[in-house]
Amino acid sequence: MLHLSAAVDQPSVYDAASYVDLARLAEHGVLDFVTLDDTFARPGLDALSVLSRVAPATNRVGLVPTVTTTHTEPFHVQAAVATLDWVSRGRAGWRLDVSTTEGEARLFGRRHAAPAEELWREAGEVADVAARLWDSWEDDAEIRDVPTGRFIDRDKLHHVDFEGSGFSVKGPSIVPRPPQGHPVRVVDATEGLARRTAARYADVALVRVANAAQAGAVRDQLRKEAARFGRNPDGLRVLASLLADLGDGEHAAEPGHGGGGPRQTAQGPLYRGGPVDLAELIASWHGSGAVDGFHLTPAAPRRDLERLVNGTVPLLQHRGLFRTFYPGSTLRDHLGLARPANQYAGEAS
């Protein structure tokens, strides 16, 4: 199954309607999910809050905000992501990221900047405790028994008693278990330090690579590492992450782009060409087994997303490579990922 996703990043745009429009466009193209970047390093809207606004205005497309795990409280992070899963009826993911600079640390005033290795280890701990907190409510913990006045079966709430390297969490969560069980975890695994965290915890790993051979090598490494952590590698989706400049007309890919692969730039691998050659690139890389799909960041948000949805996607659908409708309702359904079992089910509270 080919998976396609797109960024709806719009720097300096503060109108929620603009994000809604782009998400609806992606949904029209039956894309798996959209991402919205966020960072403490520059001013901008809170991505998770924006996509919570987008959720009731869309029906099927997955919603994946960047969530920085540095300087934030893990308990609050998991509650916010769980809330997004509830208001979207099971379409939430979260893209874990870390904050590495002293300038960002000064915004909070709690600690100095730490080495990236330490921060990615902490991000893994946040992913771990989030899953535990989501499982701290069994699926049928809410009984809403009006005659007895019992809202919750307390035997189906669980303390997590998590001790991390820099934080501890007792639990249980204040939000019932999300519709997906665990909202989808996404990690940019391009850099080696993040790759270990992705292999251990991510459902989707993004890799910024300039050719299919590089993509295939990273995918193989991630799957092997996932197996070493005791995971089934088939539960990890690896998507090539590209900038996409589809221009203003139906023109062929520039030399070095298209079937020859994107060019490496300071902003990451860049494809510049038309939607036809982009479809060829996607089909070629996916057909070779190098990737499970693509995450595309449009150079011009509306123009390039429209050309992806109205040009590239129909070509892939015509070739039988991409879905023509959503077969399920949740982001896990779109990605072909099972709903996780509750690790505390059946235990005494």
Protein backbone atom coordinates (compact mmCIF):
# COMPACT_ATOMS: atom_id res chain seq x y z
CA MET A 1 0.00 0.00 0.00
CA LEU A 2 1.36 3.40 -1.02
CA HIS A 3 1.04 6.15 1.58
CA LEU A 4 0.99 9.86 0.76
CA SER A 5 1.01 12.83 3.10
CA ALA A 6 1.66 16.55 2.84
CA ALA A 7 2.65 19.50 4.99
CA VAL A 8 0.22 22.40 5.35
CA ASP A 9 2.86 24.76 6.75
CA GLN A 10 2.14 28.43 6.11
CA PRO A 11 4.62 30.67 7.91
CA SER A 12 3.10 33.94 9.14
CA VAL A 13 -0.48 32.82 8.34
CA TYR A 14 -2.75 33.28 11.36
CA ASP A 15 -6.13 32.62 9.73
CA ALA A 16 -7.54 29.23 10.71
CA ALA A 17 -9.64 29.08 7.53
CA SER A 18 -6.50 28.83 5.42
CA TYR A 19 -5.38 25.67 7.25
CA VAL A 20 -8.88 24.23 6.99
CA ASP A 21 -8.87 24.79 3.23
CA LEU A 22 -5.54 23.02 2.75
CA ALA A 23 -6.56 20.08 4.93
CA ARG A 24 -9.80 19.71 2.98
CA LEU A 25 -7.83 19.77 -0.25
CA ALA A 26 -5.56 17.00 1.04
CA GLU A 27 -8.66 15.04 2.07
CA HIS A 28 -10.05 15.45 -1.44
CA GLY A 29 -6.86 13.75 -2.65
CA VAL A 30 -7.38 10.90 -0.14
CA LEU A 31 -3.99 11.59 1.46
CA ASP A 32 -3.19 9.65 4.63
CA PHE A 33 -2.43 12.71 6.72
CA VAL A 34 -1.29 16.31 6.81
CA THR A 35 1.43 17.69 9.06
CA LEU A 36 1.80 21.13 10.59
CA ASP A 37 5.26 22.09 11.79
CA ASP A 38 5.95 23.87 15.07
CA THR A 39 9.04 25.03 16.94
CA PHE A 40 10.03 27.21 19.86
CA ALA A 41 12.70 28.80 17.64
CA ARG A 42 10.35 31.16 15.80
CA PRO A 43 7.00 32.89 16.38
CA GLY A 44 3.88 31.21 15.11
CA LEU A 45 0.65 29.47 16.01
CA ASP A 46 0.57 26.36 18.14
CA ALA A 47 0.27 23.50 15.65
CA LEU A 48 -1.72 21.20 17.89
CA SER A 49 -4.28 23.91 18.61
CA VAL A 50 -4.60 24.78 14.91
CA LEU A 51 -5.26 21.16 13.92
CA SER A 52 -7.79 20.86 16.75
CA ARG A 53 -9.63 23.66 14.93
CA VAL A 54 -9.22 21.82 11.60
CA ALA A 55 -10.55 18.53 13.03
CA PRO A 56 -14.31 19.29 13.04
CA ALA A 57 -14.05 20.81 9.55
CA THR A 58 -12.65 17.57 8.05
CA ASN A 59 -13.82 13.96 8.06
CA ARG A 60 -11.10 11.48 7.14
CA VAL A 61 -7.61 12.97 6.65
CA GLY A 62 -5.13 12.39 9.48
CA LEU A 63 -3.90 15.39 11.48
CA VAL A 64 -0.29 15.39 12.69
CA PRO A 65 1.10 18.44 14.51
CA THR A 66 4.73 18.76 15.55
CA VAL A 67 4.96 18.50 19.34
CA THR A 68 8.23 19.46 21.03
CA THR A 69 9.02 17.15 23.94
CA THR A 70 11.75 19.38 25.38
CA HIS A 71 10.73 21.87 28.11
CA THR A 72 7.12 20.65 27.97
CA GLU A 73 5.31 18.51 30.55
CA PRO A 74 4.79 14.91 29.32
CA PHE A 75 1.49 14.61 31.19
CA HIS A 76 0.09 17.71 29.49
CA VAL A 77 1.47 16.68 26.08
CA GLN A 78 -0.23 13.28 26.13
CA ALA A 79 -3.51 14.81 27.29
CA ALA A 80 -3.45 17.35 24.45
CA VAL A 81 -2.68 14.70 21.82
CA ALA A 82 -5.38 12.41 23.23
CA THR A 83 -7.83 15.31 23.04
CA LEU A 84 -6.97 15.85 19.37
CA ASP A 85 -7.68 12.16 18.75
CA TRP A 86 -11.07 12.51 20.42
CA VAL A 87 -12.15 15.68 18.62
CA SER A 88 -11.00 14.25 15.27
CA ARG A 89 -12.70 10.89 15.96
CA GLY A 90 -9.48 8.91 15.72
CA ARG A 91 -7.40 10.81 13.18
CA ALA A 92 -4.61 12.22 15.36
CA GLY A 93 -0.90 11.72 15.20
CA TRP A 94 1.99 13.68 16.68
CA ARG A 95 5.39 14.40 15.24
CA LEU A 96 7.92 14.31 18.07
CA ASP A 97 10.70 16.88 17.98
CA VAL A 98 13.31 18.29 20.36
CA SER A 99 14.53 21.77 21.24
CA THR A 100 18.33 22.07 21.15
CA THR A 101 19.25 25.76 21.47
CA GLU A 102 20.04 27.89 24.49
CA GLY A 103 17.74 30.60 23.17
CA GLU A 104 14.78 28.23 23.26
CA ALA A 105 15.76 27.06 26.75
CA ARG A 106 15.75 30.66 28.00
CA LEU A 107 12.10 31.01 26.95
CA PHE A 108 11.21 28.58 29.74
CA GLY A 109 13.99 29.30 32.23
CA ARG A 110 13.94 25.79 33.69
CA ARG A 111 17.24 24.40 32.43
CA HIS A 112 20.03 24.98 29.96
CA ALA A 113 20.13 23.44 26.50
CA ALA A 114 21.18 19.80 26.52
CA PRO A 115 23.01 17.59 23.97
CA ALA A 116 20.81 16.22 21.20
CA GLU A 117 21.49 12.63 22.25
CA GLU A 118 20.07 13.34 25.70
CA LEU A 119 17.05 15.15 24.24
CA TRP A 120 16.15 12.33 21.85
CA ARG A 121 16.45 9.83 24.69
CA GLU A 122 14.04 12.02 26.65
CA ALA A 123 11.71 12.18 23.63
CA GLY A 124 11.61 8.39 23.64
CA GLU A 125 10.70 8.43 27.31
CA VAL A 126 7.89 10.89 26.56
CA ALA A 127 6.60 8.57 23.82
CA ASP A 128 6.77 5.67 26.27
CA VAL A 129 4.95 7.39 29.14
CA ALA A 130 2.34 8.82 26.76
CA ALA A 131 1.41 5.28 25.66
CA ARG A 132 1.23 4.17 29.29
CA LEU A 133 -1.01 7.08 30.20
CA TRP A 134 -3.30 6.42 27.24
CA ASP A 135 -3.57 2.83 28.48
CA SER A 136 -4.19 3.95 32.07
CA TRP A 137 -7.89 4.02 31.16
CA GLU A 138 -9.24 0.73 29.88
CA ASP A 139 -11.58 1.12 26.93
CA ASP A 140 -14.65 0.37 29.01
CA ALA A 141 -13.61 2.33 32.12
CA GLU A 142 -16.48 4.79 31.62
CA ILE A 143 -19.69 3.13 32.77
CA ARG A 144 -21.97 6.20 33.27
CA ASP A 145 -24.27 4.24 35.58
CA VAL A 146 -26.96 6.80 36.43
CA PRO A 147 -28.86 4.71 39.04
CA THR A 148 -25.71 4.23 41.16
CA GLY A 149 -24.09 7.56 40.27
CA ARG A 150 -20.92 5.82 39.13
CA PHE A 151 -19.26 7.47 36.14
CA ILE A 152 -16.06 5.40 36.15
CA ASP A 153 -15.18 1.84 37.07
CA ARG A 154 -12.16 2.59 39.25
CA ASP A 155 -10.85 -0.94 38.83
CA LYS A 156 -10.24 -0.05 35.18
CA LEU A 157 -8.07 3.00 35.91
CA HIS A 158 -4.36 2.38 36.47
CA HIS A 159 -1.37 4.21 37.88
CA VAL A 160 1.63 4.17 35.52
CA ASP A 161 4.34 5.06 38.10
CA PHE A 162 6.83 6.03 35.39
CA GLU A 163 10.36 7.17 36.32
CA GLY A 164 12.28 8.80 33.47
CA SER A 165 15.74 10.32 33.42
CA GLY A 166 14.35 13.81 34.02
CA PHE A 167 10.72 13.40 35.05
CA SER A 168 8.31 11.08 36.79
CA VAL A 169 4.59 10.53 36.19
CA LYS A 170 2.15 8.68 38.45
CA GLY A 171 -1.06 8.80 36.42
CA PRO A 172 -3.70 7.89 35.51
CA SER A 173 -4.46 10.28 32.67
CA ILE A 174 -7.29 12.80 32.93
CA VAL A 175 -8.44 11.96 29.38
CA PRO A 176 -10.10 8.61 28.54
CA ARG A 177 -8.22 6.24 26.26
CA PRO A 178 -8.13 7.75 22.75
CA PRO A 179 -10.19 6.22 19.93
CA GLN A 180 -7.04 4.84 18.28
CA GLY A 181 -5.68 3.53 21.56
CA HIS A 182 -2.40 5.27 20.78
CA PRO A 183 -2.41 8.24 18.39
CA VAL A 184 0.15 7.69 15.63
CA ARG A 185 3.75 8.60 16.52
CA VAL A 186 5.80 10.23 13.76
CA VAL A 187 9.54 10.95 13.93
CA ASP A 188 11.87 12.59 11.41
CA ALA A 189 14.54 9.87 11.38
CA THR A 190 16.96 11.58 9.00
CA GLU A 191 19.57 12.24 11.68
CA GLY A 192 21.21 9.33 13.44
CA LEU A 193 20.33 10.48 16.95
CA ALA A 194 16.62 10.60 16.12
CA ARG A 195 16.78 7.33 14.19
CA ARG A 196 17.15 5.18 17.31
CA THR A 197 14.09 6.83 18.88
CA ALA A 198 12.16 6.31 15.64
CA ALA A 199 13.09 2.64 15.43
CA ARG A 200 11.96 2.03 18.98
CA TYR A 201 8.81 4.13 19.19
CA ALA A 202 7.63 5.56 15.85
CA ASP A 203 4.74 4.29 13.78
CA VAL A 204 5.89 6.50 10.89
CA ALA A 205 9.49 7.53 10.21
CA LEU A 206 10.24 10.39 7.81
CA VAL A 207 13.59 10.42 6.01
CA ARG A 208 14.96 13.30 3.95
CA VAL A 209 16.95 11.54 1.23
CA ALA A 210 17.86 12.42 -2.34
CA ASN A 211 17.61 9.04 -4.03
CA ALA A 212 15.94 5.67 -3.75
CA ALA A 213 19.14 3.87 -2.77
CA GLN A 214 19.62 6.10 0.27
CA ALA A 215 15.95 5.72 1.18
CA GLY A 216 16.14 1.94 0.94
CA ALA A 217 19.26 1.79 3.09
CA VAL A 218 17.66 3.90 5.83
CA ARG A 219 14.45 1.88 5.67
CA ASP A 220 16.38 -1.37 6.04
CA GLN A 221 18.32 0.05 8.99
CA LEU A 222 15.16 1.26 10.72
CA ARG A 223 13.42 -2.06 10.28
CA LYS A 224 16.42 -4.02 11.61
CA GLU A 225 16.73 -1.69 14.58
CA ALA A 226 13.00 -1.99 15.27
CA ALA A 227 13.34 -5.78 15.33
CA ARG A 228 16.21 -5.49 17.81
CA PHE A 229 13.87 -3.57 20.10
CA GLY A 230 11.41 -6.46 19.91
CA ARG A 231 9.03 -4.75 17.49
CA ASN A 232 7.48 -6.20 14.38
CA PRO A 233 9.17 -4.20 11.58
CA ASP A 234 5.95 -4.37 9.57
CA GLY A 235 4.44 -1.98 12.14
CA LEU A 236 6.75 0.82 10.97
CA ARG A 237 6.03 2.94 7.89
CA VAL A 238 9.01 4.74 6.30
CA LEU A 239 8.18 7.77 4.14
CA ALA A 240 10.59 9.78 2.00
CA SER A 241 10.28 13.46 2.87
CA LEU A 242 10.75 15.89 -0.04
CA LEU A 243 10.20 19.55 -0.79
CA ALA A 244 8.03 19.74 -3.90
CA ASP A 245 8.01 22.63 -6.35
CA LEU A 246 5.48 21.72 -9.02
CA GLY A 247 5.71 25.08 -10.80
CA ASP A 248 3.03 26.82 -12.81
CA GLY A 249 2.74 24.54 -15.81
CA GLU A 250 2.97 21.02 -17.15
CA HIS A 251 6.70 20.89 -17.67
CA ALA A 252 9.18 18.08 -17.31
CA ALA A 253 11.40 17.74 -14.29
CA GLU A 254 14.59 19.77 -14.40
CA PRO A 255 17.82 17.82 -14.88
CA GLY A 256 18.67 16.06 -11.66
CA HIS A 257 15.02 15.89 -10.65
CA GLY A 258 12.20 13.58 -11.74
CA GLY A 259 13.22 9.99 -12.36
CA GLY A 260 16.82 10.88 -11.52
CA GLY A 261 15.84 11.89 -8.03
CA PRO A 262 15.59 15.20 -6.22
CA ARG A 263 18.46 17.60 -5.64
CA GLN A 264 19.91 18.07 -2.21
CA THR A 265 19.51 21.67 -0.99
CA ALA A 266 20.09 23.52 2.27
CA GLN A 267 16.37 23.04 3.04
CA GLY A 268 16.45 19.33 2.22
CA PRO A 269 15.87 17.22 -0.91
CA LEU A 270 13.95 19.26 -3.50
CA TYR A 271 11.90 17.92 -6.40
CA ARG A 272 11.25 20.58 -9.04
CA GLY A 273 9.15 19.57 -12.02
CA GLY A 274 5.62 18.69 -13.06
CA PRO A 275 3.06 16.39 -11.46
CA VAL A 276 3.56 13.71 -14.14
CA ASP A 277 7.23 13.23 -13.38
CA LEU A 278 6.51 13.36 -9.66
CA ALA A 279 4.07 10.48 -10.09
CA GLU A 280 6.80 8.59 -11.95
CA LEU A 281 9.29 9.22 -9.14
CA ILE A 282 6.81 8.10 -6.49
CA ALA A 283 5.92 4.95 -8.42
CA SER A 284 9.58 4.13 -9.04
CA TRP A 285 10.77 4.51 -5.46
CA HIS A 286 7.77 2.72 -3.98
CA GLY A 287 7.90 -0.03 -6.58
CA SER A 288 11.54 -0.75 -5.74
CA GLY A 289 10.66 -1.24 -2.07
CA ALA A 290 12.79 1.73 -1.00
CA VAL A 291 9.93 3.47 0.83
CA ASP A 292 6.38 2.89 2.00
CA GLY A 293 5.33 6.29 0.73
CA PHE A 294 6.08 10.01 0.66
CA HIS A 295 5.70 13.09 2.79
CA LEU A 296 5.72 16.19 0.57
CA THR A 297 6.20 19.79 1.65
CA PRO A 298 4.80 22.11 -1.06
CA ALA A 299 7.09 25.00 -1.99
CA ALA A 300 3.98 27.13 -2.58
CA PRO A 301 1.37 25.68 -0.20
CA ARG A 302 -1.85 26.06 -2.18
CA ARG A 303 -0.46 25.88 -5.72
CA ASP A 304 1.65 22.79 -5.21
CA LEU A 305 -0.87 20.93 -3.03
CA GLU A 306 -3.52 21.51 -5.71
CA ARG A 307 -1.19 20.15 -8.38
CA LEU A 308 -0.35 17.15 -6.22
CA VAL A 309 -4.02 16.39 -5.54
CA ASN A 310 -5.36 17.14 -9.03
CA GLY A 311 -2.37 15.98 -11.07
CA THR A 312 -0.09 13.46 -9.38
CA VAL A 313 -2.67 11.59 -7.30
CA PRO A 314 -5.04 10.78 -10.21
CA LEU A 315 -2.10 9.40 -12.21
CA LEU A 316 -1.17 7.10 -9.35
CA GLN A 317 -4.80 6.08 -8.91
CA HIS A 318 -5.11 5.33 -12.62
CA ARG A 319 -2.15 2.97 -12.32
CA GLY A 320 -3.75 1.25 -9.34
CA LEU A 321 -1.01 2.42 -6.97
CA PHE A 322 -3.04 4.65 -4.67
CA ARG A 323 -6.46 4.43 -3.06
CA THR A 324 -9.50 6.18 -4.53
CA PHE A 325 -11.37 6.35 -1.20
CA TYR A 326 -10.66 5.98 2.51
CA PRO A 327 -11.39 2.37 3.49
CA GLY A 328 -11.49 3.25 7.19
CA SER A 329 -12.09 6.20 9.45
CA THR A 330 -8.94 6.48 11.59
CA LEU A 331 -5.36 7.40 10.79
CA ARG A 332 -4.29 3.92 11.84
CA ASP A 333 -6.76 2.53 9.30
CA HIS A 334 -5.20 4.69 6.56
CA LEU A 335 -1.70 3.47 7.46
CA GLY A 336 -2.70 -0.17 7.84
CA LEU A 337 -1.69 -0.19 11.52
CA ALA A 338 -3.52 -2.23 14.14
CA ARG A 339 -5.02 -0.60 17.21
CA PRO A 340 -2.66 -1.42 20.12
CA ALA A 341 -3.84 -3.63 22.93
CA ASN A 342 -4.07 -2.03 26.36
CA GLN A 343 -1.00 -3.05 28.39
CA TYR A 344 -2.90 -2.77 31.69
CA ALA A 345 -6.15 -4.53 30.74
CA GLY A 346 -7.06 -7.15 33.30
CA GLU A 347 -4.62 -5.87 35.94
CA ALA A 348 -5.79 -4.78 39.36
CA SER A 349 -5.65 -1.01 39.76
